[in-house]
Amino acid sequence: MSICAEAEAEGQKCKPYSFRHRYAYVAHTRPMEDGTMRAPKQISDAMGHDLQTHLESYARFMTKDPKKAFDLAEV
């Protein structure tokens, strides 16, 4: 599914800025090669803005299921 088709299916509009949104979404939802997840600060640094801006703009991409997130963590 294309990024624009996916956005429309979620009731959103596809625009050039959508690619930054997609980057944030993937960074928050796909584990790295070692199986760990990226910290929001790492993602905000990679995207070139501060953590507060990132949290205000992309908090919706962070896990909504903390139990699942912690089940995947190795202690």
PDB file of N, CA and C in Angstrom:
ATOM      1  N   MET A   1       0.854  -1.167   0.000  1.00  0.00           N
ATOM      2  CA  MET A   1       0.000   0.000   0.000  1.00  0.00           C
ATOM      3  C   MET A   1       0.902   1.234   0.000  1.00  0.00           C
ATOM      4  N   SER A   2       0.611   2.200  -0.844  1.00  0.00           N
ATOM      5  CA  SER A   2       1.415   3.420  -0.889  1.00  0.00           C
ATOM      6  C   SER A   2       1.179   4.266   0.350  1.00  0.00           C
ATOM      7  N   ILE A   3       2.101   5.169   0.625  1.00  0.00           N
ATOM      8  CA  ILE A   3       1.955   6.029   1.797  1.00  0.00           C
ATOM      9  C   ILE A   3       0.696   6.885   1.687  1.00  0.00           C
ATOM     10  N   CYS A   4       0.375   7.343   0.467  1.00  0.00           N
ATOM     11  CA  CYS A   4      -0.821   8.173   0.296  1.00  0.00           C
ATOM     12  C   CYS A   4      -2.088   7.347   0.483  1.00  0.00           C
ATOM     13  N   ALA A   5      -2.108   6.126  -0.029  1.00  0.00           N
ATOM     14  CA  ALA A   5      -3.280   5.260   0.151  1.00  0.00           C
ATOM     15  C   ALA A   5      -3.464   4.915   1.623  1.00  0.00           C
ATOM     16  N   GLU A   6      -2.358   4.667   2.311  1.00  0.00           N
ATOM     17  CA  GLU A   6      -2.425   4.355   3.740  1.00  0.00           C
ATOM     18  C   GLU A   6      -2.949   5.554   4.525  1.00  0.00           C
ATOM     19  N   ALA A   7      -2.469   6.747   4.193  1.00  0.00           N
ATOM     20  CA  ALA A   7      -2.933   7.961   4.875  1.00  0.00           C
ATOM     21  C   ALA A   7      -4.423   8.161   4.655  1.00  0.00           C
ATOM     22  N   GLU A   8      -4.868   8.009   3.433  1.00  0.00           N
ATOM     23  CA  GLU A   8      -6.284   8.178   3.125  1.00  0.00           C
ATOM     24  C   GLU A   8      -7.141   7.141   3.849  1.00  0.00           C
ATOM     25  N   ALA A   9      -6.644   5.902   3.949  1.00  0.00           N
ATOM     26  CA  ALA A   9      -7.376   4.845   4.654  1.00  0.00           C
ATOM     27  C   ALA A   9      -7.529   5.173   6.142  1.00  0.00           C
ATOM     28  N   GLU A  10      -6.586   5.968   6.675  1.00  0.00           N
ATOM     29  CA  GLU A  10      -6.629   6.367   8.080  1.00  0.00           C
ATOM     30  C   GLU A  10      -7.306   7.719   8.263  1.00  0.00           C
ATOM     31  N   GLY A  11      -7.915   8.229   7.175  1.00  0.00           N
ATOM     32  CA  GLY A  11      -8.625   9.501   7.262  1.00  0.00           C
ATOM     33  C   GLY A  11      -7.714  10.714   7.290  1.00  0.00           C
ATOM     34  N   GLN A  12      -6.499  10.552   6.783  1.00  0.00           N
ATOM     35  CA  GLN A  12      -5.547  11.652   6.761  1.00  0.00           C
ATOM     36  C   GLN A  12      -5.265  12.055   5.314  1.00  0.00           C
ATOM     37  N   LYS A  13      -4.658  13.210   5.148  1.00  0.00           N
ATOM     38  CA  LYS A  13      -4.302  13.688   3.818  1.00  0.00           C
ATOM     39  C   LYS A  13      -2.828  13.432   3.561  1.00  0.00           C
ATOM     40  N   CYS A  14      -2.512  13.108   2.327  1.00  0.00           N
ATOM     41  CA  CYS A  14      -1.128  12.870   1.932  1.00  0.00           C
ATOM     42  C   CYS A  14      -0.563  14.170   1.363  1.00  0.00           C
ATOM     43  N   LYS A  15       0.565  14.592   1.914  1.00  0.00           N
ATOM     44  CA  LYS A  15       1.240  15.799   1.455  1.00  0.00           C
ATOM     45  C   LYS A  15       2.739  15.584   1.610  1.00  0.00           C
ATOM     46  N   PRO A  16       3.582  16.460   1.039  1.00  0.00           N
ATOM     47  CA  PRO A  16       5.027  16.222   1.136  1.00  0.00           C
ATOM     48  C   PRO A  16       5.526  15.976   2.562  1.00  0.00           C
ATOM     49  N   TYR A  17       4.946  16.657   3.540  1.00  0.00           N
ATOM     50  CA  TYR A  17       5.373  16.468   4.922  1.00  0.00           C
ATOM     51  C   TYR A  17       5.043  15.074   5.440  1.00  0.00           C
ATOM     52  N   SER A  18       4.184  14.356   4.723  1.00  0.00           N
ATOM     53  CA  SER A  18       3.807  12.998   5.122  1.00  0.00           C
ATOM     54  C   SER A  18       5.025  12.080   5.228  1.00  0.00           C
ATOM     55  N   PHE A  19       6.078  12.374   4.461  1.00  0.00           N
ATOM     56  CA  PHE A  19       7.250  11.514   4.502  1.00  0.00           C
ATOM     57  C   PHE A  19       7.971  11.623   5.848  1.00  0.00           C
ATOM     58  N   ARG A  20       7.960  12.801   6.465  1.00  0.00           N
ATOM     59  CA  ARG A  20       8.525  12.937   7.814  1.00  0.00           C
ATOM     60  C   ARG A  20       7.670  12.179   8.811  1.00  0.00           C
ATOM     61  N   HIS A  21       6.352  12.249   8.642  1.00  0.00           N
ATOM     62  CA  HIS A  21       5.461  11.507   9.523  1.00  0.00           C
ATOM     63  C   HIS A  21       5.719  10.006   9.387  1.00  0.00           C
ATOM     64  N   ARG A  22       5.901   9.547   8.167  1.00  0.00           N
ATOM     65  CA  ARG A  22       6.156   8.122   7.922  1.00  0.00           C
ATOM     66  C   ARG A  22       7.476   7.693   8.556  1.00  0.00           C
ATOM     67  N   TYR A  23       8.491   8.535   8.431  1.00  0.00           N
ATOM     68  CA  TYR A  23       9.790   8.249   9.033  1.00  0.00           C
ATOM     69  C   TYR A  23       9.631   8.078  10.546  1.00  0.00           C
ATOM     70  N   ALA A  24       8.906   9.004  11.172  1.00  0.00           N
ATOM     71  CA  ALA A  24       8.681   8.925  12.620  1.00  0.00           C
ATOM     72  C   ALA A  24       7.908   7.667  12.980  1.00  0.00           C
ATOM     73  N   TYR A  25       6.893   7.358  12.204  1.00  0.00           N
ATOM     74  CA  TYR A  25       6.084   6.161  12.463  1.00  0.00           C
ATOM     75  C   TYR A  25       6.955   4.899  12.419  1.00  0.00           C
ATOM     76  N   VAL A  26       7.748   4.768  11.378  1.00  0.00           N
ATOM     77  CA  VAL A  26       8.601   3.581  11.233  1.00  0.00           C
ATOM     78  C   VAL A  26       9.639   3.539  12.354  1.00  0.00           C
ATOM     79  N   ALA A  27      10.217   4.678  12.673  1.00  0.00           N
ATOM     80  CA  ALA A  27      11.231   4.722  13.726  1.00  0.00           C
ATOM     81  C   ALA A  27      10.660   4.293  15.078  1.00  0.00           C
ATOM     82  N   HIS A  28       9.393   4.616  15.319  1.00  0.00           N
ATOM     83  CA  HIS A  28       8.770   4.258  16.596  1.00  0.00           C
ATOM     84  C   HIS A  28       8.212   2.837  16.629  1.00  0.00           C
ATOM     85  N   THR A  29       7.898   2.262  15.495  1.00  0.00           N
ATOM     86  CA  THR A  29       7.179   0.989  15.500  1.00  0.00           C
ATOM     87  C   THR A  29       7.971  -0.214  15.006  1.00  0.00           C
ATOM     88  N   ARG A  30       9.107  -0.001  14.398  1.00  0.00           N
ATOM     89  CA  ARG A  30       9.903  -1.135  13.916  1.00  0.00           C
ATOM     90  C   ARG A  30      11.189  -1.258  14.708  1.00  0.00           C
ATOM     91  N   PRO A  31      11.455  -2.426  15.242  1.00  0.00           N
ATOM     92  CA  PRO A  31      12.685  -2.596  16.035  1.00  0.00           C
ATOM     93  C   PRO A  31      13.935  -2.506  15.169  1.00  0.00           C
ATOM     94  N   MET A  32      15.034  -2.185  15.827  1.00  0.00           N
ATOM     95  CA  MET A  32      16.327  -2.184  15.153  1.00  0.00           C
ATOM     96  C   MET A  32      16.764  -3.637  14.943  1.00  0.00           C
ATOM     97  N   GLU A  33      17.874  -3.830  14.253  1.00  0.00           N
ATOM     98  CA  GLU A  33      18.339  -5.187  13.943  1.00  0.00           C
ATOM     99  C   GLU A  33      18.544  -6.038  15.190  1.00  0.00           C
ATOM    100  N   ASP A  34      18.922  -5.413  16.302  1.00  0.00           N
ATOM    101  CA  ASP A  34      19.163  -6.193  17.520  1.00  0.00           C
ATOM    102  C   ASP A  34      17.880  -6.444  18.320  1.00  0.00           C
ATOM    103  N   GLY A  35      16.742  -5.989  17.781  1.00  0.00           N
ATOM    104  CA  GLY A  35      15.459  -6.241  18.420  1.00  0.00           C
ATOM    105  C   GLY A  35      15.004  -5.162  19.384  1.00  0.00           C
ATOM    106  N   THR A  36      15.866  -4.196  19.667  1.00  0.00           N
ATOM    107  CA  THR A  36      15.485  -3.118  20.573  1.00  0.00           C
ATOM    108  C   THR A  36      14.776  -2.004  19.798  1.00  0.00           C
ATOM    109  N   MET A  37      14.057  -1.188  20.550  1.00  0.00           N
ATOM    110  CA  MET A  37      13.351  -0.058  19.942  1.00  0.00           C
ATOM    111  C   MET A  37      14.163   1.217  20.153  1.00  0.00           C
ATOM    112  N   ARG A  38      13.989   2.169  19.277  1.00  0.00           N
ATOM    113  CA  ARG A  38      14.670   3.445  19.397  1.00  0.00           C
ATOM    114  C   ARG A  38      14.005   4.297  20.472  1.00  0.00           C
ATOM    115  N   ALA A  39      14.796   5.067  21.174  1.00  0.00           N
ATOM    116  CA  ALA A  39      14.269   6.011  22.155  1.00  0.00           C
ATOM    117  C   ALA A  39      13.745   7.244  21.421  1.00  0.00           C
ATOM    118  N   PRO A  40      12.690   7.872  21.940  1.00  0.00           N
ATOM    119  CA  PRO A  40      12.182   9.091  21.298  1.00  0.00           C
ATOM    120  C   PRO A  40      13.272  10.144  21.077  1.00  0.00           C
ATOM    121  N   LYS A  41      14.222  10.279  22.014  1.00  0.00           N
ATOM    122  CA  LYS A  41      15.308  11.253  21.853  1.00  0.00           C
ATOM    123  C   LYS A  41      16.175  10.901  20.656  1.00  0.00           C
ATOM    124  N   GLN A  42      16.439   9.634  20.430  1.00  0.00           N
ATOM    125  CA  GLN A  42      17.229   9.224  19.264  1.00  0.00           C
ATOM    126  C   GLN A  42      16.510   9.606  17.973  1.00  0.00           C
ATOM    127  N   ILE A  43      15.215   9.382  17.950  1.00  0.00           N
ATOM    128  CA  ILE A  43      14.427   9.678  16.755  1.00  0.00           C
ATOM    129  C   ILE A  43      14.366  11.185  16.530  1.00  0.00           C
ATOM    130  N   SER A  44      14.142  11.941  17.602  1.00  0.00           N
ATOM    131  CA  SER A  44      14.077  13.400  17.435  1.00  0.00           C
ATOM    132  C   SER A  44      15.414  13.945  16.942  1.00  0.00           C
ATOM    133  N   ASP A  45      16.523  13.427  17.451  1.00  0.00           N
ATOM    134  CA  ASP A  45      17.836  13.850  16.970  1.00  0.00           C
ATOM    135  C   ASP A  45      18.002  13.531  15.487  1.00  0.00           C
ATOM    136  N   ALA A  46      17.594  12.344  15.091  1.00  0.00           N
ATOM    137  CA  ALA A  46      17.708  11.943  13.685  1.00  0.00           C
ATOM    138  C   ALA A  46      16.856  12.816  12.771  1.00  0.00           C
ATOM    139  N   MET A  47      15.734  13.301  13.301  1.00  0.00           N
ATOM    140  CA  MET A  47      14.833  14.128  12.501  1.00  0.00           C
ATOM    141  C   MET A  47      15.182  15.612  12.562  1.00  0.00           C
ATOM    142  N   GLY A  48      16.130  15.968  13.438  1.00  0.00           N
ATOM    143  CA  GLY A  48      16.616  17.331  13.476  1.00  0.00           C
ATOM    144  C   GLY A  48      15.774  18.309  14.285  1.00  0.00           C
ATOM    145  N   HIS A  49      15.052  17.803  15.259  1.00  0.00           N
ATOM    146  CA  HIS A  49      14.332  18.719  16.141  1.00  0.00           C
ATOM    147  C   HIS A  49      14.503  18.272  17.585  1.00  0.00           C
ATOM    148  N   ASP A  50      14.075  19.135  18.525  1.00  0.00           N
ATOM    149  CA  ASP A  50      14.263  18.780  19.928  1.00  0.00           C
ATOM    150  C   ASP A  50      13.193  17.779  20.377  1.00  0.00           C
ATOM    151  N   LEU A  51      13.437  17.192  21.535  1.00  0.00           N
ATOM    152  CA  LEU A  51      12.550  16.149  22.044  1.00  0.00           C
ATOM    153  C   LEU A  51      11.138  16.681  22.273  1.00  0.00           C
ATOM    154  N   GLN A  52      11.008  17.885  22.814  1.00  0.00           N
ATOM    155  CA  GLN A  52       9.678  18.434  23.081  1.00  0.00           C
ATOM    156  C   GLN A  52       8.865  18.561  21.791  1.00  0.00           C
ATOM    157  N   THR A  53       9.476  19.070  20.736  1.00  0.00           N
ATOM    158  CA  THR A  53       8.794  19.185  19.441  1.00  0.00           C
ATOM    159  C   THR A  53       8.381  17.810  18.948  1.00  0.00           C
ATOM    160  N   HIS A  54       9.269  16.851  19.121  1.00  0.00           N
ATOM    161  CA  HIS A  54       8.976  15.487  18.672  1.00  0.00           C
ATOM    162  C   HIS A  54       7.780  14.904  19.419  1.00  0.00           C
ATOM    163  N   LEU A  55       7.780  15.067  20.731  1.00  0.00           N
ATOM    164  CA  LEU A  55       6.687  14.513  21.531  1.00  0.00           C
ATOM    165  C   LEU A  55       5.357  15.185  21.193  1.00  0.00           C
ATOM    166  N   GLU A  56       5.389  16.485  20.929  1.00  0.00           N
ATOM    167  CA  GLU A  56       4.163  17.197  20.563  1.00  0.00           C
ATOM    168  C   GLU A  56       3.636  16.749  19.199  1.00  0.00           C
ATOM    169  N   SER A  57       4.546  16.422  18.294  1.00  0.00           N
ATOM    170  CA  SER A  57       4.150  16.089  16.919  1.00  0.00           C
ATOM    171  C   SER A  57       3.918  14.607  16.673  1.00  0.00           C
ATOM    172  N   TYR A  58       4.661  13.747  17.365  1.00  0.00           N
ATOM    173  CA  TYR A  58       4.653  12.329  17.004  1.00  0.00           C
ATOM    174  C   TYR A  58       4.309  11.373  18.144  1.00  0.00           C
ATOM    175  N   ALA A  59       3.810  11.868  19.251  1.00  0.00           N
ATOM    176  CA  ALA A  59       3.467  10.999  20.379  1.00  0.00           C
ATOM    177  C   ALA A  59       2.478   9.919  19.965  1.00  0.00           C
ATOM    178  N   ARG A  60       1.656  10.203  18.962  1.00  0.00           N
ATOM    179  CA  ARG A  60       0.652   9.216  18.530  1.00  0.00           C
ATOM    180  C   ARG A  60       1.280   7.941  17.974  1.00  0.00           C
ATOM    181  N   PHE A  61       2.560   7.988  17.622  1.00  0.00           N
ATOM    182  CA  PHE A  61       3.213   6.806  17.073  1.00  0.00           C
ATOM    183  C   PHE A  61       3.841   5.930  18.141  1.00  0.00           C
ATOM    184  N   MET A  62       3.929   6.427  19.359  1.00  0.00           N
ATOM    185  CA  MET A  62       4.518   5.633  20.432  1.00  0.00           C
ATOM    186  C   MET A  62       3.530   4.563  20.863  1.00  0.00           C
ATOM    187  N   THR A  63       4.024   3.523  21.468  1.00  0.00           N
ATOM    188  CA  THR A  63       3.180   2.384  21.813  1.00  0.00           C
ATOM    189  C   THR A  63       1.982   2.776  22.663  1.00  0.00           C
ATOM    190  N   LYS A  64       0.868   2.199  22.337  1.00  0.00           N
ATOM    191  CA  LYS A  64      -0.338   2.385  23.133  1.00  0.00           C
ATOM    192  C   LYS A  64      -0.560   1.154  24.015  1.00  0.00           C
ATOM    193  N   ASP A  65       0.370   0.208  23.938  1.00  0.00           N
ATOM    194  CA  ASP A  65       0.264  -1.037  24.691  1.00  0.00           C
ATOM    195  C   ASP A  65       1.568  -1.273  25.456  1.00  0.00           C
ATOM    196  N   PRO A  66       1.749  -0.578  26.594  1.00  0.00           N
ATOM    197  CA  PRO A  66       3.006  -0.722  27.341  1.00  0.00           C
ATOM    198  C   PRO A  66       3.305  -2.161  27.751  1.00  0.00           C
ATOM    199  N   LYS A  67       2.283  -2.951  28.068  1.00  0.00           N
ATOM    200  CA  LYS A  67       2.521  -4.339  28.469  1.00  0.00           C
ATOM    201  C   LYS A  67       3.217  -5.098  27.346  1.00  0.00           C
ATOM    202  N   LYS A  68       2.751  -4.907  26.133  1.00  0.00           N
ATOM    203  CA  LYS A  68       3.371  -5.583  24.997  1.00  0.00           C
ATOM    204  C   LYS A  68       4.812  -5.102  24.816  1.00  0.00           C
ATOM    205  N   ALA A  69       5.031  -3.792  24.965  1.00  0.00           N
ATOM    206  CA  ALA A  69       6.371  -3.245  24.802  1.00  0.00           C
ATOM    207  C   ALA A  69       7.324  -3.847  25.833  1.00  0.00           C
ATOM    208  N   PHE A  70       6.868  -3.991  27.073  1.00  0.00           N
ATOM    209  CA  PHE A  70       7.728  -4.536  28.105  1.00  0.00           C
ATOM    210  C   PHE A  70       7.857  -6.046  27.994  1.00  0.00           C
ATOM    211  N   ASP A  71       6.865  -6.708  27.432  1.00  0.00           N
ATOM    212  CA  ASP A  71       6.976  -8.162  27.225  1.00  0.00           C
ATOM    213  C   ASP A  71       8.119  -8.470  26.266  1.00  0.00           C
ATOM    214  N   LEU A  72       8.405  -7.553  25.335  1.00  0.00           N
ATOM    215  CA  LEU A  72       9.453  -7.780  24.362  1.00  0.00           C
ATOM    216  C   LEU A  72      10.837  -7.435  24.902  1.00  0.00           C
ATOM    217  N   ALA A  73      10.896  -6.721  26.010  1.00  0.00           N
ATOM    218  CA  ALA A  73      12.167  -6.289  26.569  1.00  0.00           C
ATOM    219  C   ALA A  73      12.859  -7.436  27.296  1.00  0.00           C
ATOM    220  N   GLU A  74      14.148  -7.499  27.080  1.00  0.00           N
ATOM    221  CA  GLU A  74      14.941  -8.492  27.806  1.00  0.00           C
ATOM    222  C   GLU A  74      15.516  -7.818  29.037  1.00  0.00           C
ATOM    223  N   VAL A  75      15.435  -8.492  30.157  1.00  0.00           N
ATOM    224  CA  VAL A  75      15.941  -7.905  31.412  1.00  0.00           C
ATOM    225  C   VAL A  75      17.268  -8.546  31.758  1.00  0.00           C
TER     226      VAL A  75
END
